[in-house]
Amino acid sequence: MYYIEIPKIIEATQVFKLSDHKLIVPITTKYENFTPVKNGAFALLQAGFYEIDFVMPGDYIIEENYDEDYPCVVMRKKDFEIRYKEYE
């Protein structure tokens, strides 16, 4: 059986610096040796109760999600542009 995802309108913000979104915070020294940080991650997003996402320049923060445990998600720019288009 095949299914199609129900279209929905989302709110997303592309981020390049800490001041671009209220929910991202600077990376602490606790994470300085993690691979995403070494690859250019500049911020953290508390995505779920225990879940932390690293934010890269150009990523999108999506604030509406079906899962209430994850009110926001980080999506890489290339994945976002494949999946979403601007709503008018």
N, C-alpha and C. Protein backbone atom coordinates (compact mmCIF):
# COMPACT_ATOMS: atom_id res chain seq x y z
N MET A 1 0.84 -1.16 0.00
CA MET A 1 0.00 0.00 0.00
C MET A 1 0.89 1.24 0.00
N TYR A 2 0.49 2.28 -0.71
CA TYR A 2 1.25 3.52 -0.80
C TYR A 2 0.49 4.63 -0.08
N TYR A 3 1.24 5.58 0.46
CA TYR A 3 0.66 6.72 1.17
C TYR A 3 1.32 8.00 0.69
N ILE A 4 0.60 9.08 0.83
CA ILE A 4 1.16 10.39 0.52
C ILE A 4 1.11 11.23 1.79
N GLU A 5 2.15 11.98 2.04
CA GLU A 5 2.18 12.83 3.23
C GLU A 5 1.17 13.96 3.06
N ILE A 6 0.39 14.19 4.09
CA ILE A 6 -0.60 15.25 4.05
C ILE A 6 0.13 16.59 4.05
N PRO A 7 -0.17 17.45 3.08
CA PRO A 7 0.50 18.75 3.07
C PRO A 7 0.18 19.54 4.33
N LYS A 8 1.18 20.23 4.82
CA LYS A 8 0.98 21.08 5.99
C LYS A 8 1.84 22.33 5.83
N ILE A 9 1.44 23.37 6.48
CA ILE A 9 2.21 24.61 6.47
C ILE A 9 3.07 24.61 7.72
N ILE A 10 4.34 24.88 7.53
CA ILE A 10 5.26 24.91 8.66
C ILE A 10 5.84 26.31 8.81
N GLU A 11 6.39 26.58 9.98
CA GLU A 11 7.15 27.80 10.19
C GLU A 11 8.61 27.40 10.31
N ALA A 12 9.45 27.97 9.46
CA ALA A 12 10.86 27.62 9.47
C ALA A 12 11.70 28.89 9.37
N THR A 13 12.84 28.86 10.04
CA THR A 13 13.77 29.98 10.02
C THR A 13 15.14 29.46 9.66
N GLN A 14 15.76 30.06 8.64
CA GLN A 14 17.12 29.68 8.30
C GLN A 14 18.07 30.46 9.21
N VAL A 15 19.04 29.77 9.77
CA VAL A 15 19.93 30.42 10.74
C VAL A 15 21.38 30.43 10.27
N PHE A 16 22.03 31.55 10.55
CA PHE A 16 23.45 31.70 10.24
C PHE A 16 24.24 32.18 11.46
N LYS A 17 23.52 32.73 12.46
CA LYS A 17 24.17 33.20 13.68
C LYS A 17 23.20 33.03 14.85
N LEU A 18 23.72 33.14 16.06
CA LEU A 18 22.92 32.89 17.26
C LEU A 18 21.67 33.76 17.36
N SER A 19 21.75 34.98 16.91
CA SER A 19 20.61 35.89 17.04
C SER A 19 19.50 35.62 16.02
N ASP A 20 19.69 34.67 15.11
CA ASP A 20 18.67 34.39 14.09
C ASP A 20 17.46 33.64 14.64
N HIS A 21 17.61 32.98 15.78
CA HIS A 21 16.48 32.21 16.34
C HIS A 21 16.58 32.17 17.85
N LYS A 22 15.45 32.33 18.52
CA LYS A 22 15.43 32.43 19.98
C LYS A 22 15.72 31.12 20.70
N LEU A 23 15.60 29.98 20.04
CA LEU A 23 15.74 28.69 20.71
C LEU A 23 17.14 28.08 20.61
N ILE A 24 18.03 28.69 19.84
CA ILE A 24 19.37 28.13 19.74
C ILE A 24 20.29 28.82 20.76
N VAL A 25 21.24 28.05 21.27
CA VAL A 25 22.17 28.55 22.28
C VAL A 25 23.60 28.22 21.86
N PRO A 26 24.57 28.97 22.39
CA PRO A 26 25.97 28.70 22.03
C PRO A 26 26.39 27.29 22.46
N ILE A 27 27.35 26.76 21.77
CA ILE A 27 27.91 25.45 22.12
C ILE A 27 28.82 25.62 23.33
N THR A 28 28.64 24.76 24.29
CA THR A 28 29.48 24.81 25.49
C THR A 28 30.74 23.96 25.29
N THR A 29 31.69 24.13 26.18
CA THR A 29 32.95 23.38 26.08
C THR A 29 32.71 21.87 26.22
N LYS A 30 31.60 21.49 26.80
CA LYS A 30 31.25 20.07 26.94
C LYS A 30 31.21 19.37 25.58
N TYR A 31 30.86 20.11 24.53
CA TYR A 31 30.68 19.51 23.20
C TYR A 31 31.81 19.86 22.23
N GLU A 32 32.85 20.54 22.66
CA GLU A 32 33.85 21.04 21.72
C GLU A 32 34.58 19.96 20.92
N ASN A 33 34.63 18.73 21.41
CA ASN A 33 35.31 17.67 20.68
C ASN A 33 34.37 16.80 19.85
N PHE A 34 33.09 17.13 19.81
CA PHE A 34 32.13 16.36 19.01
C PHE A 34 32.35 16.67 17.53
N THR A 35 32.15 15.67 16.69
CA THR A 35 32.38 15.82 15.24
C THR A 35 31.58 16.96 14.61
N PRO A 36 30.26 17.13 14.90
CA PRO A 36 29.55 18.25 14.27
C PRO A 36 30.18 19.61 14.59
N VAL A 37 30.70 19.78 15.78
CA VAL A 37 31.33 21.04 16.17
C VAL A 37 32.61 21.24 15.36
N LYS A 38 33.37 20.18 15.20
CA LYS A 38 34.58 20.25 14.39
C LYS A 38 34.26 20.52 12.93
N ASN A 39 33.06 20.14 12.50
CA ASN A 39 32.66 20.35 11.10
C ASN A 39 31.92 21.67 10.90
N GLY A 40 31.87 22.53 11.91
CA GLY A 40 31.30 23.87 11.72
C GLY A 40 30.03 24.19 12.47
N ALA A 41 29.51 23.29 13.29
CA ALA A 41 28.31 23.60 14.07
C ALA A 41 28.63 24.76 15.00
N PHE A 42 27.69 25.69 15.12
CA PHE A 42 27.94 26.88 15.93
C PHE A 42 26.96 27.05 17.08
N ALA A 43 25.92 26.20 17.13
CA ALA A 43 24.90 26.35 18.16
C ALA A 43 24.25 25.01 18.47
N LEU A 44 23.47 25.01 19.55
CA LEU A 44 22.70 23.83 19.97
C LEU A 44 21.22 24.19 20.00
N LEU A 45 20.39 23.19 19.73
CA LEU A 45 18.94 23.34 19.86
C LEU A 45 18.45 22.17 20.71
N GLN A 46 17.74 22.48 21.78
CA GLN A 46 17.12 21.43 22.60
C GLN A 46 15.86 21.01 21.86
N ALA A 47 15.95 19.93 21.09
CA ALA A 47 14.86 19.51 20.22
C ALA A 47 13.78 18.76 20.97
N GLY A 48 14.15 17.96 21.92
CA GLY A 48 13.20 17.21 22.73
C GLY A 48 13.65 17.26 24.17
N PHE A 49 13.02 16.48 25.01
CA PHE A 49 13.35 16.54 26.43
C PHE A 49 14.82 16.20 26.67
N TYR A 50 15.32 15.16 26.00
CA TYR A 50 16.72 14.76 26.14
C TYR A 50 17.51 14.95 24.86
N GLU A 51 16.87 15.30 23.80
CA GLU A 51 17.48 15.36 22.48
C GLU A 51 18.11 16.73 22.22
N ILE A 52 19.36 16.73 21.76
CA ILE A 52 20.06 17.96 21.39
C ILE A 52 20.50 17.84 19.94
N ASP A 53 20.24 18.88 19.16
CA ASP A 53 20.70 18.93 17.78
C ASP A 53 21.76 20.01 17.65
N PHE A 54 22.79 19.73 16.85
CA PHE A 54 23.80 20.71 16.53
C PHE A 54 23.31 21.50 15.32
N VAL A 55 23.55 22.79 15.34
CA VAL A 55 23.08 23.68 14.27
C VAL A 55 24.27 24.16 13.46
N MET A 56 24.17 23.96 12.14
CA MET A 56 25.20 24.41 11.21
C MET A 56 24.72 25.69 10.53
N PRO A 57 25.62 26.55 10.06
CA PRO A 57 25.19 27.73 9.32
C PRO A 57 24.36 27.33 8.09
N GLY A 58 23.21 27.96 7.91
CA GLY A 58 22.34 27.67 6.78
C GLY A 58 21.25 26.66 7.09
N ASP A 59 21.31 26.00 8.25
CA ASP A 59 20.26 25.06 8.64
C ASP A 59 18.94 25.79 8.86
N TYR A 60 17.87 25.03 8.82
CA TYR A 60 16.54 25.57 9.10
C TYR A 60 16.05 25.02 10.43
N ILE A 61 15.44 25.87 11.23
CA ILE A 61 14.76 25.45 12.45
C ILE A 61 13.28 25.40 12.13
N ILE A 62 12.69 24.21 12.23
CA ILE A 62 11.27 24.03 11.96
C ILE A 62 10.56 23.94 13.30
N GLU A 63 9.59 24.81 13.52
CA GLU A 63 8.96 24.90 14.83
C GLU A 63 7.68 24.10 14.98
N GLU A 64 7.07 23.68 13.92
CA GLU A 64 5.85 22.89 14.04
C GLU A 64 6.13 21.48 13.58
N ASN A 65 5.72 20.51 14.41
CA ASN A 65 5.98 19.12 14.10
C ASN A 65 4.81 18.30 14.61
N TYR A 66 4.58 17.14 14.03
CA TYR A 66 3.48 16.28 14.47
C TYR A 66 3.71 15.70 15.86
N ASP A 67 4.97 15.52 16.23
CA ASP A 67 5.32 14.87 17.48
C ASP A 67 5.47 15.91 18.59
N GLU A 68 4.61 15.86 19.60
CA GLU A 68 4.64 16.86 20.67
C GLU A 68 5.91 16.79 21.51
N ASP A 69 6.60 15.66 21.50
CA ASP A 69 7.84 15.55 22.26
C ASP A 69 8.99 16.29 21.58
N TYR A 70 8.83 16.60 20.32
CA TYR A 70 9.84 17.32 19.56
C TYR A 70 9.22 18.56 18.93
N PRO A 71 9.09 19.65 19.69
CA PRO A 71 8.43 20.84 19.17
C PRO A 71 9.21 21.54 18.06
N CYS A 72 10.50 21.28 17.96
CA CYS A 72 11.33 21.90 16.93
C CYS A 72 12.32 20.87 16.41
N VAL A 73 12.70 21.03 15.18
CA VAL A 73 13.74 20.18 14.61
C VAL A 73 14.70 21.03 13.81
N VAL A 74 15.92 20.53 13.66
CA VAL A 74 16.90 21.16 12.80
C VAL A 74 16.94 20.34 11.51
N MET A 75 16.86 21.02 10.38
CA MET A 75 16.94 20.33 9.10
C MET A 75 18.02 20.98 8.26
N ARG A 76 18.90 20.17 7.74
CA ARG A 76 19.98 20.69 6.90
C ARG A 76 19.39 21.37 5.66
N LYS A 77 20.10 22.39 5.18
CA LYS A 77 19.63 23.21 4.07
C LYS A 77 19.25 22.38 2.85
N LYS A 78 20.11 21.46 2.44
CA LYS A 78 19.83 20.68 1.22
C LYS A 78 18.59 19.82 1.38
N ASP A 79 18.38 19.23 2.57
CA ASP A 79 17.20 18.41 2.81
C ASP A 79 15.93 19.26 2.84
N PHE A 80 16.03 20.44 3.45
CA PHE A 80 14.89 21.34 3.54
C PHE A 80 14.44 21.76 2.15
N GLU A 81 15.38 22.14 1.30
CA GLU A 81 15.03 22.64 -0.03
C GLU A 81 14.49 21.55 -0.94
N ILE A 82 14.80 20.29 -0.66
CA ILE A 82 14.22 19.18 -1.41
C ILE A 82 12.77 18.94 -0.98
N ARG A 83 12.52 19.06 0.30
CA ARG A 83 11.23 18.68 0.87
C ARG A 83 10.18 19.80 0.87
N TYR A 84 10.61 21.04 0.97
CA TYR A 84 9.67 22.17 1.12
C TYR A 84 9.86 23.21 0.05
N LYS A 85 8.78 23.93 -0.25
CA LYS A 85 8.85 25.09 -1.10
C LYS A 85 8.10 26.22 -0.39
N GLU A 86 8.39 27.45 -0.78
CA GLU A 86 7.78 28.60 -0.12
C GLU A 86 6.27 28.62 -0.35
N TYR A 87 5.54 28.89 0.70
CA TYR A 87 4.06 28.96 0.64
C TYR A 87 3.67 30.41 0.43
N GLU A 88 2.74 30.61 -0.49
CA GLU A 88 2.28 31.98 -0.77
C GLU A 88 0.85 32.16 -0.35
